[in-house]
PDB file of N, CA and C in Angstrom:
ATOM      1  N   UNK A   1    -117.691  15.666   0.190  1.00  0.00           N
ATOM      2  CA  UNK A   1    -116.677  16.677   0.400  1.00  0.00           C
ATOM      3  C   UNK A   1    -115.310  16.011   0.379  1.00  0.00           C
ATOM      4  N   UNK A   2    -114.455  16.419  -0.480  1.00  0.00           N
ATOM      5  CA  UNK A   2    -113.130  15.827  -0.618  1.00  0.00           C
ATOM      6  C   UNK A   2    -112.147  16.547   0.302  1.00  0.00           C
ATOM      7  N   UNK A   3    -111.327  15.758   0.951  1.00  0.00           N
ATOM      8  CA  UNK A   3    -110.327  16.343   1.848  1.00  0.00           C
ATOM      9  C   UNK A   3    -109.176  16.895   1.017  1.00  0.00           C
ATOM     10  N   UNK A   4    -108.778  18.108   1.324  1.00  0.00           N
ATOM     11  CA  UNK A   4    -107.666  18.714   0.602  1.00  0.00           C
ATOM     12  C   UNK A   4    -106.369  18.381   1.321  1.00  0.00           C
ATOM     13  N   UNK A   5    -105.370  17.974   0.571  1.00  0.00           N
ATOM     14  CA  UNK A   5    -104.081  17.681   1.179  1.00  0.00           C
ATOM     15  C   UNK A   5    -103.166  18.886   0.989  1.00  0.00           C
ATOM     16  N   UNK A   6    -102.333  19.114   1.971  1.00  0.00           N
ATOM     17  CA  UNK A   6    -101.407  20.243   1.903  1.00  0.00           C
ATOM     18  C   UNK A   6    -100.329  19.943   0.872  1.00  0.00           C
ATOM     19  N   UNK A   7     -99.910  20.948   0.131  1.00  0.00           N
ATOM     20  CA  UNK A   7     -98.842  20.703  -0.848  1.00  0.00           C
ATOM     21  C   UNK A   7     -97.537  20.359  -0.138  1.00  0.00           C
ATOM     22  N   UNK A   8     -96.758  19.508  -0.737  1.00  0.00           N
ATOM     23  CA  UNK A   8     -95.478  19.109  -0.149  1.00  0.00           C
ATOM     24  C   UNK A   8     -94.506  20.272  -0.212  1.00  0.00           C
ATOM     25  N   UNK A   9     -93.756  20.436   0.865  1.00  0.00           N
ATOM     26  CA  UNK A   9     -92.743  21.490   0.928  1.00  0.00           C
ATOM     27  C   UNK A   9     -91.387  20.832   0.794  1.00  0.00           C
ATOM     28  N   UNK A  10     -90.610  21.273  -0.150  1.00  0.00           N
ATOM     29  CA  UNK A  10     -89.285  20.726  -0.378  1.00  0.00           C
ATOM     30  C   UNK A  10     -88.268  21.803  -0.013  1.00  0.00           C
ATOM     31  N   UNK A  11     -87.419  21.495   0.948  1.00  0.00           N
ATOM     32  CA  UNK A  11     -86.378  22.430   1.352  1.00  0.00           C
ATOM     33  C   UNK A  11     -85.060  21.999   0.747  1.00  0.00           C
ATOM     34  N   UNK A  12     -84.409  22.917   0.106  1.00  0.00           N
ATOM     35  CA  UNK A  12     -83.101  22.612  -0.454  1.00  0.00           C
ATOM     36  C   UNK A  12     -82.056  22.729   0.640  1.00  0.00           C
ATOM     37  N   UNK A  13     -81.060  21.912   0.545  1.00  0.00           N
ATOM     38  CA  UNK A  13     -79.979  21.955   1.520  1.00  0.00           C
ATOM     39  C   UNK A  13     -79.269  23.301   1.436  1.00  0.00           C
ATOM     40  N   UNK A  14     -79.084  23.926   2.592  1.00  0.00           N
ATOM     41  CA  UNK A  14     -78.431  25.236   2.608  1.00  0.00           C
ATOM     42  C   UNK A  14     -76.945  25.120   2.924  1.00  0.00           C
ATOM     43  N   UNK A  15     -76.485  23.921   3.175  1.00  0.00           N
ATOM     44  CA  UNK A  15     -75.077  23.738   3.508  1.00  0.00           C
ATOM     45  C   UNK A  15     -74.554  22.479   2.840  1.00  0.00           C
ATOM     46  N   UNK A  16     -73.289  22.453   2.617  1.00  0.00           N
ATOM     47  CA  UNK A  16     -72.661  21.276   2.018  1.00  0.00           C
ATOM     48  C   UNK A  16     -71.991  20.412   3.086  1.00  0.00           C
ATOM     49  N   UNK A  17     -72.123  20.823   4.348  1.00  0.00           N
ATOM     50  CA  UNK A  17     -71.460  20.124   5.447  1.00  0.00           C
ATOM     51  C   UNK A  17     -72.489  19.287   6.216  1.00  0.00           C
ATOM     52  N   UNK A  18     -72.148  18.047   6.501  1.00  0.00           N
ATOM     53  CA  UNK A  18     -73.060  17.192   7.254  1.00  0.00           C
ATOM     54  C   UNK A  18     -73.044  17.584   8.731  1.00  0.00           C
ATOM     55  N   UNK A  19     -74.053  17.128   9.463  1.00  0.00           N
ATOM     56  CA  UNK A  19     -74.094  17.408  10.899  1.00  0.00           C
ATOM     57  C   UNK A  19     -72.896  16.805  11.616  1.00  0.00           C
ATOM     58  N   UNK A  20     -72.502  15.603  11.197  1.00  0.00           N
ATOM     59  CA  UNK A  20     -71.357  14.959  11.815  1.00  0.00           C
ATOM     60  C   UNK A  20     -70.102  15.813  11.644  1.00  0.00           C
ATOM     61  N   UNK A  21     -69.881  16.314  10.438  1.00  0.00           N
ATOM     62  CA  UNK A  21     -68.713  17.171  10.195  1.00  0.00           C
ATOM     63  C   UNK A  21     -68.803  18.459  11.021  1.00  0.00           C
ATOM     64  N   UNK A  22     -69.996  19.028  11.081  1.00  0.00           N
ATOM     65  CA  UNK A  22     -70.180  20.271  11.829  1.00  0.00           C
ATOM     66  C   UNK A  22     -69.834  20.087  13.310  1.00  0.00           C
ATOM     67  N   UNK A  23     -70.367  19.006  13.922  1.00  0.00           N
ATOM     68  CA  UNK A  23     -70.098  18.775  15.338  1.00  0.00           C
ATOM     69  C   UNK A  23     -68.650  18.360  15.582  1.00  0.00           C
ATOM     70  N   UNK A  24     -68.053  17.644  14.644  1.00  0.00           N
ATOM     71  CA  UNK A  24     -66.639  17.288  14.768  1.00  0.00           C
ATOM     72  C   UNK A  24     -65.781  18.543  14.774  1.00  0.00           C
ATOM     73  N   UNK A  25     -66.090  19.472  13.880  1.00  0.00           N
ATOM     74  CA  UNK A  25     -65.349  20.740  13.850  1.00  0.00           C
ATOM     75  C   UNK A  25     -65.561  21.548  15.130  1.00  0.00           C
ATOM     76  N   UNK A  26     -66.783  21.530  15.644  1.00  0.00           N
ATOM     77  CA  UNK A  26     -67.048  22.256  16.891  1.00  0.00           C
ATOM     78  C   UNK A  26     -66.203  21.693  18.030  1.00  0.00           C
ATOM     79  N   UNK A  27     -66.099  20.364  18.093  1.00  0.00           N
ATOM     80  CA  UNK A  27     -65.300  19.742  19.152  1.00  0.00           C
ATOM     81  C   UNK A  27     -63.813  20.055  18.995  1.00  0.00           C
ATOM     82  N   UNK A  28     -63.337  20.074  17.742  1.00  0.00           N
ATOM     83  CA  UNK A  28     -61.924  20.383  17.501  1.00  0.00           C
ATOM     84  C   UNK A  28     -61.593  21.815  17.885  1.00  0.00           C
ATOM     85  N   UNK A  29     -62.527  22.721  17.641  1.00  0.00           N
ATOM     86  CA  UNK A  29     -62.288  24.144  17.903  1.00  0.00           C
ATOM     87  C   UNK A  29     -62.737  24.583  19.292  1.00  0.00           C
ATOM     88  N   UNK A  30     -63.092  23.642  20.120  1.00  0.00           N
ATOM     89  CA  UNK A  30     -63.586  23.959  21.460  1.00  0.00           C
ATOM     90  C   UNK A  30     -62.493  24.654  22.272  1.00  0.00           C
ATOM     91  N   UNK A  31     -62.849  25.801  22.829  1.00  0.00           N
ATOM     92  CA  UNK A  31     -61.909  26.569  23.639  1.00  0.00           C
ATOM     93  C   UNK A  31     -61.943  26.044  25.070  1.00  0.00           C
ATOM     94  N   UNK A  32     -60.798  26.015  25.753  1.00  0.00           N
ATOM     95  CA  UNK A  32     -60.806  25.582  27.153  1.00  0.00           C
ATOM     96  C   UNK A  32     -61.605  26.563  28.007  1.00  0.00           C
ATOM     97  N   UNK A  33     -62.202  26.023  29.051  1.00  0.00           N
ATOM     98  CA  UNK A  33     -63.012  26.835  29.938  1.00  0.00           C
ATOM     99  C   UNK A  33     -62.119  27.807  30.714  1.00  0.00           C
ATOM    100  N   UNK A  34     -62.471  29.077  30.747  1.00  0.00           N
ATOM    101  CA  UNK A  34     -61.649  30.036  31.488  1.00  0.00           C
ATOM    102  C   UNK A  34     -61.564  29.671  32.971  1.00  0.00           C
ATOM    103  N   UNK A  35     -60.469  30.047  33.577  1.00  0.00           N
ATOM    104  CA  UNK A  35     -60.201  29.692  34.968  1.00  0.00           C
ATOM    105  C   UNK A  35     -61.253  30.286  35.897  1.00  0.00           C
ATOM    106  N   UNK A  36     -61.677  31.519  35.628  1.00  0.00           N
ATOM    107  CA  UNK A  36     -62.624  32.145  36.535  1.00  0.00           C
ATOM    108  C   UNK A  36     -63.979  31.430  36.522  1.00  0.00           C
ATOM    109  N   UNK A  37     -64.369  30.842  35.393  1.00  0.00           N
ATOM    110  CA  UNK A  37     -65.613  30.081  35.353  1.00  0.00           C
ATOM    111  C   UNK A  37     -65.445  28.781  36.127  1.00  0.00           C
ATOM    112  N   UNK A  38     -64.290  28.153  35.993  1.00  0.00           N
ATOM    113  CA  UNK A  38     -64.026  26.922  36.758  1.00  0.00           C
ATOM    114  C   UNK A  38     -64.081  27.210  38.246  1.00  0.00           C
ATOM    115  N   UNK A  39     -63.458  28.298  38.668  1.00  0.00           N
ATOM    116  CA  UNK A  39     -63.454  28.650  40.084  1.00  0.00           C
ATOM    117  C   UNK A  39     -64.874  28.906  40.564  1.00  0.00           C
ATOM    118  N   UNK A  40     -65.664  29.571  39.741  1.00  0.00           N
ATOM    119  CA  UNK A  40     -67.050  29.852  40.093  1.00  0.00           C
ATOM    120  C   UNK A  40     -67.846  28.557  40.245  1.00  0.00           C
ATOM    121  N   UNK A  41     -67.647  27.624  39.308  1.00  0.00           N
ATOM    122  CA  UNK A  41     -68.351  26.344  39.384  1.00  0.00           C
ATOM    123  C   UNK A  41     -67.931  25.556  40.615  1.00  0.00           C
ATOM    124  N   UNK A  42     -66.645  25.596  40.931  1.00  0.00           N
ATOM    125  CA  UNK A  42     -66.145  24.885  42.100  1.00  0.00           C
ATOM    126  C   UNK A  42     -66.726  25.495  43.368  1.00  0.00           C
ATOM    127  N   UNK A  43     -66.829  26.809  43.411  1.00  0.00           N
ATOM    128  CA  UNK A  43     -67.392  27.495  44.571  1.00  0.00           C
ATOM    129  C   UNK A  43     -68.875  27.125  44.727  1.00  0.00           C
ATOM    130  N   UNK A  44     -69.608  27.064  43.625  1.00  0.00           N
ATOM    131  CA  UNK A  44     -71.014  26.681  43.681  1.00  0.00           C
ATOM    132  C   UNK A  44     -71.172  25.245  44.171  1.00  0.00           C
ATOM    133  N   UNK A  45     -70.266  24.373  43.743  1.00  0.00           N
ATOM    134  CA  UNK A  45     -70.332  22.978  44.161  1.00  0.00           C
ATOM    135  C   UNK A  45     -70.063  22.861  45.665  1.00  0.00           C
ATOM    136  N   UNK A  46     -69.104  23.617  46.173  1.00  0.00           N
ATOM    137  CA  UNK A  46     -68.809  23.588  47.595  1.00  0.00           C
ATOM    138  C   UNK A  46     -69.992  24.112  48.401  1.00  0.00           C
ATOM    139  N   UNK A  47     -70.641  25.171  47.894  1.00  0.00           N
ATOM    140  CA  UNK A  47     -71.809  25.722  48.560  1.00  0.00           C
ATOM    141  C   UNK A  47     -72.938  24.695  48.581  1.00  0.00           C
ATOM    142  N   UNK A  48     -73.142  24.018  47.467  1.00  0.00           N
ATOM    143  CA  UNK A  48     -74.174  22.987  47.395  1.00  0.00           C
ATOM    144  C   UNK A  48     -73.859  21.843  48.355  1.00  0.00           C
ATOM    145  N   UNK A  49     -72.596  21.459  48.455  1.00  0.00           N
ATOM    146  CA  UNK A  49     -72.206  20.387  49.379  1.00  0.00           C
ATOM    147  C   UNK A  49     -72.493  20.786  50.819  1.00  0.00           C
ATOM    148  N   UNK A  50     -72.199  22.033  51.157  1.00  0.00           N
ATOM    149  CA  UNK A  50     -72.470  22.510  52.512  1.00  0.00           C
ATOM    150  C   UNK A  50     -73.971  22.490  52.798  1.00  0.00           C
ATOM    151  N   UNK A  51     -74.769  22.906  51.814  1.00  0.00           N
ATOM    152  CA  UNK A  51     -76.224  22.882  51.987  1.00  0.00           C
ATOM    153  C   UNK A  51     -76.727  21.446  52.153  1.00  0.00           C
ATOM    154  N   UNK A  52     -76.168  20.527  51.379  1.00  0.00           N
ATOM    155  CA  UNK A  52     -76.584  19.128  51.489  1.00  0.00           C
ATOM    156  C   UNK A  52     -76.214  18.542  52.843  1.00  0.00           C
ATOM    157  N   UNK A  53     -75.040  18.891  53.355  1.00  0.00           N
ATOM    158  CA  UNK A  53     -74.652  18.409  54.687  1.00  0.00           C
ATOM    159  C   UNK A  53     -75.602  18.950  55.747  1.00  0.00           C
ATOM    160  N   UNK A  54     -75.955  20.233  55.612  1.00  0.00           N
ATOM    161  CA  UNK A  54     -76.888  20.854  56.562  1.00  0.00           C
ATOM    162  C   UNK A  54     -78.250  20.158  56.488  1.00  0.00           C
ATOM    163  N   UNK A  55     -78.727  19.884  55.293  1.00  0.00           N
ATOM    164  CA  UNK A  55     -80.004  19.206  55.114  1.00  0.00           C
ATOM    165  C   UNK A  55     -79.957  17.796  55.700  1.00  0.00           C
ATOM    166  N   UNK A  56     -78.868  17.084  55.487  1.00  0.00           N
ATOM    167  CA  UNK A  56     -78.723  15.734  56.041  1.00  0.00           C
ATOM    168  C   UNK A  56     -78.749  15.776  57.565  1.00  0.00           C
ATOM    169  N   UNK A  57     -78.098  16.790  58.142  1.00  0.00           N
ATOM    170  CA  UNK A  57     -78.106  16.940  59.603  1.00  0.00           C
ATOM    171  C   UNK A  57     -79.515  17.223  60.103  1.00  0.00           C
ATOM    172  N   UNK A  58     -80.250  18.080  59.408  1.00  0.00           N
ATOM    173  CA  UNK A  58     -81.628  18.383  59.806  1.00  0.00           C
ATOM    174  C   UNK A  58     -82.500  17.137  59.705  1.00  0.00           C
ATOM    175  N   UNK A  59     -82.328  16.368  58.647  1.00  0.00           N
ATOM    176  CA  UNK A  59     -83.107  15.141  58.491  1.00  0.00           C
ATOM    177  C   UNK A  59     -82.787  14.143  59.609  1.00  0.00           C
ATOM    178  N   UNK A  60     -81.521  14.049  59.950  1.00  0.00           N
ATOM    179  CA  UNK A  60     -81.101  13.107  60.982  1.00  0.00           C
ATOM    180  C   UNK A  60     -81.704  13.471  62.334  1.00  0.00           C
ATOM    181  N   UNK A  61     -81.916  14.757  62.559  1.00  0.00           N
ATOM    182  CA  UNK A  61     -82.454  15.211  63.844  1.00  0.00           C
ATOM    183  C   UNK A  61     -83.973  15.102  63.935  1.00  0.00           C
ATOM    184  N   UNK A  62     -84.650  14.787  62.847  1.00  0.00           N
ATOM    185  CA  UNK A  62     -86.103  14.651  62.883  1.00  0.00           C
ATOM    186  C   UNK A  62     -86.489  13.405  63.678  1.00  0.00           C
ATOM    187  N   UNK A  63     -87.498  13.532  64.525  1.00  0.00           N
ATOM    188  CA  UNK A  63     -87.915  12.383  65.345  1.00  0.00           C
ATOM    189  C   UNK A  63     -88.319  11.171  64.517  1.00  0.00           C
ATOM    190  N   UNK A  64     -88.989  11.380  63.397  1.00  0.00           N
ATOM    191  CA  UNK A  64     -89.433  10.235  62.590  1.00  0.00           C
ATOM    192  C   UNK A  64     -88.243   9.487  62.001  1.00  0.00           C
ATOM    193  N   UNK A  65     -87.212  10.217  61.603  1.00  0.00           N
ATOM    194  CA  UNK A  65     -86.024   9.588  61.041  1.00  0.00           C
ATOM    195  C   UNK A  65     -85.260   8.849  62.134  1.00  0.00           C
ATOM    196  N   UNK A  66     -85.152   9.460  63.307  1.00  0.00           N
ATOM    197  CA  UNK A  66     -84.464   8.800  64.417  1.00  0.00           C
ATOM    198  C   UNK A  66     -85.180   7.510  64.795  1.00  0.00           C
ATOM    199  N   UNK A  67     -86.523   7.531  64.810  1.00  0.00           N
ATOM    200  CA  UNK A  67     -87.281   6.329  65.133  1.00  0.00           C
ATOM    201  C   UNK A  67     -87.031   5.243  64.089  1.00  0.00           C
ATOM    202  N   UNK A  68     -86.983   5.627  62.834  1.00  0.00           N
ATOM    203  CA  UNK A  68     -86.737   4.651  61.774  1.00  0.00           C
ATOM    204  C   UNK A  68     -85.338   4.059  61.887  1.00  0.00           C
ATOM    205  N   UNK A  69     -84.354   4.888  62.232  1.00  0.00           N
ATOM    206  CA  UNK A  69     -82.995   4.381  62.391  1.00  0.00           C
ATOM    207  C   UNK A  69     -82.893   3.423  63.570  1.00  0.00           C
ATOM    208  N   UNK A  70     -83.575   3.726  64.662  1.00  0.00           N
ATOM    209  CA  UNK A  70     -83.566   2.827  65.822  1.00  0.00           C
ATOM    210  C   UNK A  70     -84.250   1.510  65.469  1.00  0.00           C
ATOM    211  N   UNK A  71     -85.332   1.593  64.712  1.00  0.00           N
ATOM    212  CA  UNK A  71     -86.041   0.394  64.285  1.00  0.00           C
ATOM    213  C   UNK A  71     -85.134  -0.474  63.418  1.00  0.00           C
ATOM    214  N   UNK A  72     -84.406   0.149  62.511  1.00  0.00           N
ATOM    215  CA  UNK A  72     -83.495  -0.586  61.633  1.00  0.00           C
ATOM    216  C   UNK A  72     -82.405  -1.273  62.457  1.00  0.00           C
ATOM    217  N   UNK A  73     -81.855  -0.554  63.451  1.00  0.00           N
ATOM    218  CA  UNK A  73     -80.808  -1.148  64.288  1.00  0.00           C
ATOM    219  C   UNK A  73     -81.349  -2.335  65.053  1.00  0.00           C
ATOM    220  N   UNK A  74     -82.584  -2.216  65.552  1.00  0.00           N
ATOM    221  CA  UNK A  74     -83.188  -3.331  66.287  1.00  0.00           C
ATOM    222  C   UNK A  74     -83.364  -4.550  65.411  1.00  0.00           C
ATOM    223  N   UNK A  75     -83.806  -4.360  64.191  1.00  0.00           N
ATOM    224  CA  UNK A  75     -84.007  -5.471  63.262  1.00  0.00           C
ATOM    225  C   UNK A  75     -82.669  -6.104  62.912  1.00  0.00           C
ATOM    226  N   UNK A  76     -81.651  -5.286  62.688  1.00  0.00           N
ATOM    227  CA  UNK A  76     -80.329  -5.817  62.336  1.00  0.00           C
ATOM    228  C   UNK A  76     -79.762  -6.659  63.475  1.00  0.00           C
ATOM    229  N   UNK A  77     -79.927  -6.193  64.696  1.00  0.00           N
ATOM    230  CA  UNK A  77     -79.374  -6.933  65.835  1.00  0.00           C
ATOM    231  C   UNK A  77     -80.151  -8.217  66.075  1.00  0.00           C
ATOM    232  N   UNK A  78     -81.440  -8.211  65.832  1.00  0.00           N
ATOM    233  CA  UNK A  78     -82.239  -9.418  66.024  1.00  0.00           C
ATOM    234  C   UNK A  78     -81.850 -10.488  65.004  1.00  0.00           C
ATOM    235  N   UNK A  79     -81.567 -10.065  63.801  1.00  0.00           N
ATOM    236  CA  UNK A  79     -81.217 -11.016  62.749  1.00  0.00           C
ATOM    237  C   UNK A  79     -79.745 -11.421  62.807  1.00  0.00           C
ATOM    238  N   UNK A  80     -78.959 -10.690  63.563  1.00  0.00           N
ATOM    239  CA  UNK A  80     -77.537 -10.964  63.606  1.00  0.00           C
ATOM    240  C   UNK A  80     -76.791 -10.333  62.467  1.00  0.00           C
ATOM    241  N   UNK A  81     -77.382  -9.376  61.807  1.00  0.00           N
ATOM    242  CA  UNK A  81     -76.743  -8.669  60.686  1.00  0.00           C
ATOM    243  C   UNK A  81     -76.095  -7.403  61.227  1.00  0.00           C
ATOM    244  N   UNK A  82     -74.860  -7.480  61.615  1.00  0.00           N
ATOM    245  CA  UNK A  82     -74.180  -6.319  62.181  1.00  0.00           C
ATOM    246  C   UNK A  82     -73.541  -5.457  61.105  1.00  0.00           C
ATOM    247  N   UNK A  83     -73.490  -5.961  59.871  1.00  0.00           N
ATOM    248  CA  UNK A  83     -72.874  -5.179  58.798  1.00  0.00           C
ATOM    249  C   UNK A  83     -73.752  -4.035  58.324  1.00  0.00           C
ATOM    250  N   UNK A  84     -75.064  -4.161  58.451  1.00  0.00           N
ATOM    251  CA  UNK A  84     -75.933  -3.137  57.896  1.00  0.00           C
ATOM    252  C   UNK A  84     -76.141  -1.950  58.841  1.00  0.00           C
ATOM    253  N   UNK A  85     -75.700  -2.041  60.046  1.00  0.00           N
ATOM    254  CA  UNK A  85     -75.943  -0.961  61.028  1.00  0.00           C
ATOM    255  C   UNK A  85     -74.861   0.064  61.026  1.00  0.00           C
TER     256      UNK A  85
END
């Protein structure tokens, strides 16, 4: 039984412009971001920062984390490494 090979498909170029030229033109014609979108992004970033601070506070209050921090301080003081605490 002979294996049949698929016929080759040849696609003709549909454009005379290279990808490099296309992306260069896109960058040149790039419109500045509207102010309201910037404000929205900034507001989302502030909200995310607040959530991260809240999460960090919750983590800090966990008994396992507090025990690990105390352990680290004990090791630093025993070694005389006061910079890492």
